[in-house]
């Protein structure tokens, strides 16, 4: 029995390993980007909530300052 691999099989194995490595790397990068986008959305959402709270406080303060009962 001949245990040697043919050049074609060696080439196929090399290509297969490259494709597997590239796919794994692309998946890891996509995961990193997805997590980063989620984190950015979280931070922007928190900022928007703060802006709304500041706006409401400013409106309330303005209404209290305009109240003739004081």
PDB file of N, CA and C in Angstrom:
ATOM      1  N   UNK A   1       0.839  -1.183   0.000  1.00  0.00           N
ATOM      2  CA  UNK A   1       0.000   0.000   0.000  1.00  0.00           C
ATOM      3  C   UNK A   1       0.877   1.238   0.000  1.00  0.00           C
ATOM      4  N   UNK A   2       0.511   2.215  -0.805  1.00  0.00           N
ATOM      5  CA  UNK A   2       1.275   3.442  -0.922  1.00  0.00           C
ATOM      6  C   UNK A   2       0.666   4.486   0.005  1.00  0.00           C
ATOM      7  N   UNK A   3       1.444   4.917   1.029  1.00  0.00           N
ATOM      8  CA  UNK A   3       0.956   5.867   2.024  1.00  0.00           C
ATOM      9  C   UNK A   3       1.255   7.318   1.657  1.00  0.00           C
ATOM     10  N   UNK A   4       1.862   7.540   0.519  1.00  0.00           N
ATOM     11  CA  UNK A   4       2.196   8.902   0.132  1.00  0.00           C
ATOM     12  C   UNK A   4       0.973   9.614  -0.444  1.00  0.00           C
ATOM     13  N   UNK A   5       0.895  10.910  -0.152  1.00  0.00           N
ATOM     14  CA  UNK A   5      -0.184  11.727  -0.691  1.00  0.00           C
ATOM     15  C   UNK A   5       0.229  12.275  -2.048  1.00  0.00           C
ATOM     16  N   UNK A   6      -0.735  12.377  -2.926  1.00  0.00           N
ATOM     17  CA  UNK A   6      -0.432  12.950  -4.231  1.00  0.00           C
ATOM     18  C   UNK A   6      -0.315  14.473  -4.100  1.00  0.00           C
ATOM     19  N   UNK A   7       0.334  15.080  -5.082  1.00  0.00           N
ATOM     20  CA  UNK A   7       0.470  16.535  -5.071  1.00  0.00           C
ATOM     21  C   UNK A   7      -0.902  17.198  -5.111  1.00  0.00           C
ATOM     22  N   UNK A   8      -1.825  16.608  -5.815  1.00  0.00           N
ATOM     23  CA  UNK A   8      -3.178  17.160  -5.904  1.00  0.00           C
ATOM     24  C   UNK A   8      -3.859  17.146  -4.535  1.00  0.00           C
ATOM     25  N   UNK A   9      -3.699  16.065  -3.792  1.00  0.00           N
ATOM     26  CA  UNK A   9      -4.319  15.966  -2.474  1.00  0.00           C
ATOM     27  C   UNK A   9      -3.663  16.939  -1.499  1.00  0.00           C
ATOM     28  N   UNK A  10      -2.362  17.077  -1.583  1.00  0.00           N
ATOM     29  CA  UNK A  10      -1.648  18.039  -0.733  1.00  0.00           C
ATOM     30  C   UNK A  10      -2.140  19.456  -1.033  1.00  0.00           C
ATOM     31  N   UNK A  11      -2.276  19.777  -2.310  1.00  0.00           N
ATOM     32  CA  UNK A  11      -2.781  21.094  -2.704  1.00  0.00           C
ATOM     33  C   UNK A  11      -4.198  21.330  -2.224  1.00  0.00           C
ATOM     34  N   UNK A  12      -5.048  20.301  -2.363  1.00  0.00           N
ATOM     35  CA  UNK A  12      -6.436  20.390  -1.896  1.00  0.00           C
ATOM     36  C   UNK A  12      -6.478  20.640  -0.401  1.00  0.00           C
ATOM     37  N   UNK A  13      -5.657  19.928   0.355  1.00  0.00           N
ATOM     38  CA  UNK A  13      -5.614  20.105   1.808  1.00  0.00           C
ATOM     39  C   UNK A  13      -5.146  21.516   2.182  1.00  0.00           C
ATOM     40  N   UNK A  14      -4.156  22.029   1.458  1.00  0.00           N
ATOM     41  CA  UNK A  14      -3.660  23.377   1.732  1.00  0.00           C
ATOM     42  C   UNK A  14      -4.756  24.408   1.465  1.00  0.00           C
ATOM     43  N   UNK A  15      -5.442  24.271   0.343  1.00  0.00           N
ATOM     44  CA  UNK A  15      -6.529  25.198   0.017  1.00  0.00           C
ATOM     45  C   UNK A  15      -7.637  25.100   1.056  1.00  0.00           C
ATOM     46  N   UNK A  16      -7.963  23.892   1.458  1.00  0.00           N
ATOM     47  CA  UNK A  16      -9.014  23.685   2.451  1.00  0.00           C
ATOM     48  C   UNK A  16      -8.651  24.389   3.756  1.00  0.00           C
ATOM     49  N   UNK A  17      -7.422  24.265   4.203  1.00  0.00           N
ATOM     50  CA  UNK A  17      -6.994  24.904   5.452  1.00  0.00           C
ATOM     51  C   UNK A  17      -7.015  26.428   5.338  1.00  0.00           C
ATOM     52  N   UNK A  18      -6.627  26.941   4.191  1.00  0.00           N
ATOM     53  CA  UNK A  18      -6.664  28.395   3.981  1.00  0.00           C
ATOM     54  C   UNK A  18      -8.101  28.899   4.026  1.00  0.00           C
ATOM     55  N   UNK A  19      -9.012  28.191   3.362  1.00  0.00           N
ATOM     56  CA  UNK A  19     -10.422  28.593   3.352  1.00  0.00           C
ATOM     57  C   UNK A  19     -10.995  28.525   4.767  1.00  0.00           C
ATOM     58  N   UNK A  20     -10.673  27.473   5.500  1.00  0.00           N
ATOM     59  CA  UNK A  20     -11.153  27.346   6.876  1.00  0.00           C
ATOM     60  C   UNK A  20     -10.623  28.484   7.743  1.00  0.00           C
ATOM     61  N   UNK A  21      -9.352  28.810   7.624  1.00  0.00           N
ATOM     62  CA  UNK A  21      -8.758  29.890   8.410  1.00  0.00           C
ATOM     63  C   UNK A  21      -9.379  31.232   8.047  1.00  0.00           C
ATOM     64  N   UNK A  22      -9.573  31.470   6.752  1.00  0.00           N
ATOM     65  CA  UNK A  22     -10.173  32.734   6.311  1.00  0.00           C
ATOM     66  C   UNK A  22     -11.606  32.860   6.813  1.00  0.00           C
ATOM     67  N   UNK A  23     -12.349  31.775   6.757  1.00  0.00           N
ATOM     68  CA  UNK A  23     -13.737  31.791   7.218  1.00  0.00           C
ATOM     69  C   UNK A  23     -13.808  32.055   8.719  1.00  0.00           C
ATOM     70  N   UNK A  24     -12.957  31.393   9.467  1.00  0.00           N
ATOM     71  CA  UNK A  24     -12.922  31.608  10.912  1.00  0.00           C
ATOM     72  C   UNK A  24     -12.562  33.048  11.237  1.00  0.00           C
ATOM     73  N   UNK A  25     -11.575  33.581  10.550  1.00  0.00           N
ATOM     74  CA  UNK A  25     -11.157  34.960  10.785  1.00  0.00           C
ATOM     75  C   UNK A  25     -12.280  35.932  10.434  1.00  0.00           C
ATOM     76  N   UNK A  26     -12.932  35.720   9.307  1.00  0.00           N
ATOM     77  CA  UNK A  26     -14.040  36.588   8.901  1.00  0.00           C
ATOM     78  C   UNK A  26     -15.166  36.535   9.932  1.00  0.00           C
ATOM     79  N   UNK A  27     -15.446  35.359  10.453  1.00  0.00           N
ATOM     80  CA  UNK A  27     -16.470  35.217  11.483  1.00  0.00           C
ATOM     81  C   UNK A  27     -16.103  35.955  12.753  1.00  0.00           C
ATOM     82  N   UNK A  28     -14.853  35.883  13.151  1.00  0.00           N
ATOM     83  CA  UNK A  28     -14.405  36.590  14.351  1.00  0.00           C
ATOM     84  C   UNK A  28     -14.490  38.107  14.158  1.00  0.00           C
ATOM     85  N   UNK A  29     -14.080  38.576  12.994  1.00  0.00           N
ATOM     86  CA  UNK A  29     -14.152  40.013  12.704  1.00  0.00           C
ATOM     87  C   UNK A  29     -15.610  40.471  12.698  1.00  0.00           C
ATOM     88  N   UNK A  30     -16.490  39.697  12.082  1.00  0.00           N
ATOM     89  CA  UNK A  30     -17.913  40.045  12.054  1.00  0.00           C
ATOM     90  C   UNK A  30     -18.488  40.103  13.463  1.00  0.00           C
ATOM     91  N   UNK A  31     -18.082  39.184  14.307  1.00  0.00           N
ATOM     92  CA  UNK A  31     -18.547  39.176  15.689  1.00  0.00           C
ATOM     93  C   UNK A  31     -18.055  40.413  16.436  1.00  0.00           C
ATOM     94  N   UNK A  32     -16.802  40.771  16.234  1.00  0.00           N
ATOM     95  CA  UNK A  32     -16.241  41.966  16.869  1.00  0.00           C
ATOM     96  C   UNK A  32     -17.000  43.206  16.411  1.00  0.00           C
ATOM     97  N   UNK A  33     -17.246  43.316  15.106  1.00  0.00           N
ATOM     98  CA  UNK A  33     -17.954  44.477  14.572  1.00  0.00           C
ATOM     99  C   UNK A  33     -19.395  44.545  15.084  1.00  0.00           C
ATOM    100  N   UNK A  34     -20.052  43.392  15.148  1.00  0.00           N
ATOM    101  CA  UNK A  34     -21.429  43.364  15.637  1.00  0.00           C
ATOM    102  C   UNK A  34     -21.484  43.810  17.097  1.00  0.00           C
ATOM    103  N   UNK A  35     -20.541  43.355  17.898  1.00  0.00           N
ATOM    104  CA  UNK A  35     -20.489  43.756  19.306  1.00  0.00           C
ATOM    105  C   UNK A  35     -20.201  45.249  19.423  1.00  0.00           C
ATOM    106  N   UNK A  36     -19.285  45.748  18.599  1.00  0.00           N
ATOM    107  CA  UNK A  36     -18.955  47.176  18.632  1.00  0.00           C
ATOM    108  C   UNK A  36     -20.169  48.014  18.242  1.00  0.00           C
ATOM    109  N   UNK A  37     -20.898  47.596  17.204  1.00  0.00           N
ATOM    110  CA  UNK A  37     -22.090  48.340  16.788  1.00  0.00           C
ATOM    111  C   UNK A  37     -23.157  48.334  17.877  1.00  0.00           C
ATOM    112  N   UNK A  38     -23.314  47.204  18.551  1.00  0.00           N
ATOM    113  CA  UNK A  38     -24.274  47.111  19.651  1.00  0.00           C
ATOM    114  C   UNK A  38     -23.876  48.062  20.772  1.00  0.00           C
ATOM    115  N   UNK A  39     -22.578  48.088  21.098  1.00  0.00           N
ATOM    116  CA  UNK A  39     -22.094  48.974  22.160  1.00  0.00           C
ATOM    117  C   UNK A  39     -22.302  50.444  21.789  1.00  0.00           C
ATOM    118  N   UNK A  40     -22.045  50.792  20.533  1.00  0.00           N
ATOM    119  CA  UNK A  40     -22.257  52.171  20.079  1.00  0.00           C
ATOM    120  C   UNK A  40     -23.741  52.532  20.180  1.00  0.00           C
ATOM    121  N   UNK A  41     -24.609  51.628  19.763  1.00  0.00           N
ATOM    122  CA  UNK A  41     -26.047  51.883  19.854  1.00  0.00           C
ATOM    123  C   UNK A  41     -26.470  52.071  21.302  1.00  0.00           C
ATOM    124  N   UNK A  42     -25.915  51.271  22.208  1.00  0.00           N
ATOM    125  CA  UNK A  42     -26.208  51.409  23.640  1.00  0.00           C
ATOM    126  C   UNK A  42     -25.804  52.777  24.158  1.00  0.00           C
ATOM    127  N   UNK A  43     -24.592  53.188  23.816  1.00  0.00           N
ATOM    128  CA  UNK A  43     -24.079  54.470  24.296  1.00  0.00           C
ATOM    129  C   UNK A  43     -24.900  55.627  23.733  1.00  0.00           C
ATOM    130  N   UNK A  44     -25.215  55.573  22.441  1.00  0.00           N
ATOM    131  CA  UNK A  44     -26.018  56.633  21.835  1.00  0.00           C
ATOM    132  C   UNK A  44     -27.426  56.666  22.425  1.00  0.00           C
ATOM    133  N   UNK A  45     -27.982  55.505  22.713  1.00  0.00           N
ATOM    134  CA  UNK A  45     -29.295  55.453  23.351  1.00  0.00           C
ATOM    135  C   UNK A  45     -29.273  56.071  24.734  1.00  0.00           C
ATOM    136  N   UNK A  46     -28.220  55.794  25.493  1.00  0.00           N
ATOM    137  CA  UNK A  46     -28.061  56.401  26.818  1.00  0.00           C
ATOM    138  C   UNK A  46     -27.923  57.912  26.719  1.00  0.00           C
ATOM    139  N   UNK A  47     -27.159  58.371  25.731  1.00  0.00           N
ATOM    140  CA  UNK A  47     -26.994  59.810  25.518  1.00  0.00           C
ATOM    141  C   UNK A  47     -28.327  60.457  25.177  1.00  0.00           C
ATOM    142  N   UNK A  48     -29.096  59.827  24.297  1.00  0.00           N
ATOM    143  CA  UNK A  48     -30.409  60.369  23.917  1.00  0.00           C
ATOM    144  C   UNK A  48     -31.327  60.442  25.139  1.00  0.00           C
ATOM    145  N   UNK A  49     -31.288  59.432  25.982  1.00  0.00           N
ATOM    146  CA  UNK A  49     -32.109  59.452  27.199  1.00  0.00           C
ATOM    147  C   UNK A  49     -31.720  60.616  28.097  1.00  0.00           C
ATOM    148  N   UNK A  50     -30.420  60.867  28.222  1.00  0.00           N
ATOM    149  CA  UNK A  50     -29.956  62.002  29.028  1.00  0.00           C
ATOM    150  C   UNK A  50     -30.424  63.324  28.429  1.00  0.00           C
ATOM    151  N   UNK A  51     -30.358  63.446  27.105  1.00  0.00           N
ATOM    152  CA  UNK A  51     -30.801  64.673  26.437  1.00  0.00           C
ATOM    153  C   UNK A  51     -32.288  64.896  26.704  1.00  0.00           C
ATOM    154  N   UNK A  52     -33.095  63.851  26.613  1.00  0.00           N
ATOM    155  CA  UNK A  52     -34.527  63.989  26.878  1.00  0.00           C
ATOM    156  C   UNK A  52     -34.769  64.400  28.334  1.00  0.00           C
ATOM    157  N   UNK A  53     -34.032  63.813  29.265  1.00  0.00           N
ATOM    158  CA  UNK A  53     -34.193  64.163  30.676  1.00  0.00           C
ATOM    159  C   UNK A  53     -33.790  65.618  30.922  1.00  0.00           C
ATOM    160  N   UNK A  54     -32.714  66.062  30.299  1.00  0.00           N
ATOM    161  CA  UNK A  54     -32.281  67.454  30.448  1.00  0.00           C
ATOM    162  C   UNK A  54     -33.330  68.389  29.856  1.00  0.00           C
ATOM    163  N   UNK A  55     -33.860  68.037  28.679  1.00  0.00           N
ATOM    164  CA  UNK A  55     -34.895  68.859  28.046  1.00  0.00           C
ATOM    165  C   UNK A  55     -36.125  68.970  28.938  1.00  0.00           C
ATOM    166  N   UNK A  56     -36.559  67.842  29.512  1.00  0.00           N
ATOM    167  CA  UNK A  56     -37.735  67.859  30.383  1.00  0.00           C
ATOM    168  C   UNK A  56     -37.473  68.699  31.638  1.00  0.00           C
ATOM    169  N   UNK A  57     -36.285  68.592  32.200  1.00  0.00           N
ATOM    170  CA  UNK A  57     -35.939  69.391  33.380  1.00  0.00           C
ATOM    171  C   UNK A  57     -35.917  70.871  33.046  1.00  0.00           C
ATOM    172  N   UNK A  58     -35.377  71.197  31.874  1.00  0.00           N
ATOM    173  CA  UNK A  58     -35.333  72.607  31.459  1.00  0.00           C
ATOM    174  C   UNK A  58     -36.745  73.137  31.255  1.00  0.00           C
ATOM    175  N   UNK A  59     -37.624  72.348  30.656  1.00  0.00           N
ATOM    176  CA  UNK A  59     -39.017  72.776  30.457  1.00  0.00           C
ATOM    177  C   UNK A  59     -39.716  72.978  31.797  1.00  0.00           C
ATOM    178  N   UNK A  60     -39.494  72.050  32.721  1.00  0.00           N
ATOM    179  CA  UNK A  60     -40.131  72.145  34.029  1.00  0.00           C
ATOM    180  C   UNK A  60     -39.621  73.377  34.773  1.00  0.00           C
ATOM    181  N   UNK A  61     -38.335  73.617  34.723  1.00  0.00           N
ATOM    182  CA  UNK A  61     -37.755  74.777  35.393  1.00  0.00           C
ATOM    183  C   UNK A  61     -38.274  76.066  34.776  1.00  0.00           C
ATOM    184  N   UNK A  62     -38.376  76.072  33.453  1.00  0.00           N
ATOM    185  CA  UNK A  62     -38.891  77.257  32.754  1.00  0.00           C
ATOM    186  C   UNK A  62     -40.348  77.504  33.116  1.00  0.00           C
ATOM    187  N   UNK A  63     -41.142  76.440  33.187  1.00  0.00           N
ATOM    188  CA  UNK A  63     -42.556  76.576  33.544  1.00  0.00           C
ATOM    189  C   UNK A  63     -42.696  77.081  34.973  1.00  0.00           C
ATOM    190  N   UNK A  64     -41.852  76.619  35.864  1.00  0.00           N
ATOM    191  CA  UNK A  64     -41.907  77.067  37.264  1.00  0.00           C
ATOM    192  C   UNK A  64     -41.492  78.528  37.378  1.00  0.00           C
ATOM    193  N   UNK A  65     -40.550  78.948  36.549  1.00  0.00           N
ATOM    194  CA  UNK A  65     -40.099  80.339  36.583  1.00  0.00           C
ATOM    195  C   UNK A  65     -41.177  81.265  36.027  1.00  0.00           C
ATOM    196  N   UNK A  66     -41.969  80.795  35.091  1.00  0.00           N
ATOM    197  CA  UNK A  66     -43.040  81.596  34.495  1.00  0.00           C
ATOM    198  C   UNK A  66     -44.338  81.557  35.311  1.00  0.00           C
ATOM    199  N   UNK A  67     -44.401  80.706  36.335  1.00  0.00           N
ATOM    200  CA  UNK A  67     -45.612  80.534  37.132  1.00  0.00           C
ATOM    201  C   UNK A  67     -45.868  81.808  37.955  1.00  0.00           C
ATOM    202  N   UNK A  68     -46.986  82.482  37.751  1.00  0.00           N
ATOM    203  CA  UNK A  68     -47.238  83.728  38.475  1.00  0.00           C
ATOM    204  C   UNK A  68     -47.568  83.511  39.951  1.00  0.00           C
ATOM    205  N   UNK A  69     -47.761  82.275  40.381  1.00  0.00           N
ATOM    206  CA  UNK A  69     -48.075  82.015  41.791  1.00  0.00           C
ATOM    207  C   UNK A  69     -46.893  82.276  42.697  1.00  0.00           C
ATOM    208  N   UNK A  70     -45.709  82.300  42.134  1.00  0.00           N
ATOM    209  CA  UNK A  70     -44.497  82.495  42.961  1.00  0.00           C
ATOM    210  C   UNK A  70     -44.234  83.940  43.255  1.00  0.00           C
TER     211      UNK A  70
END
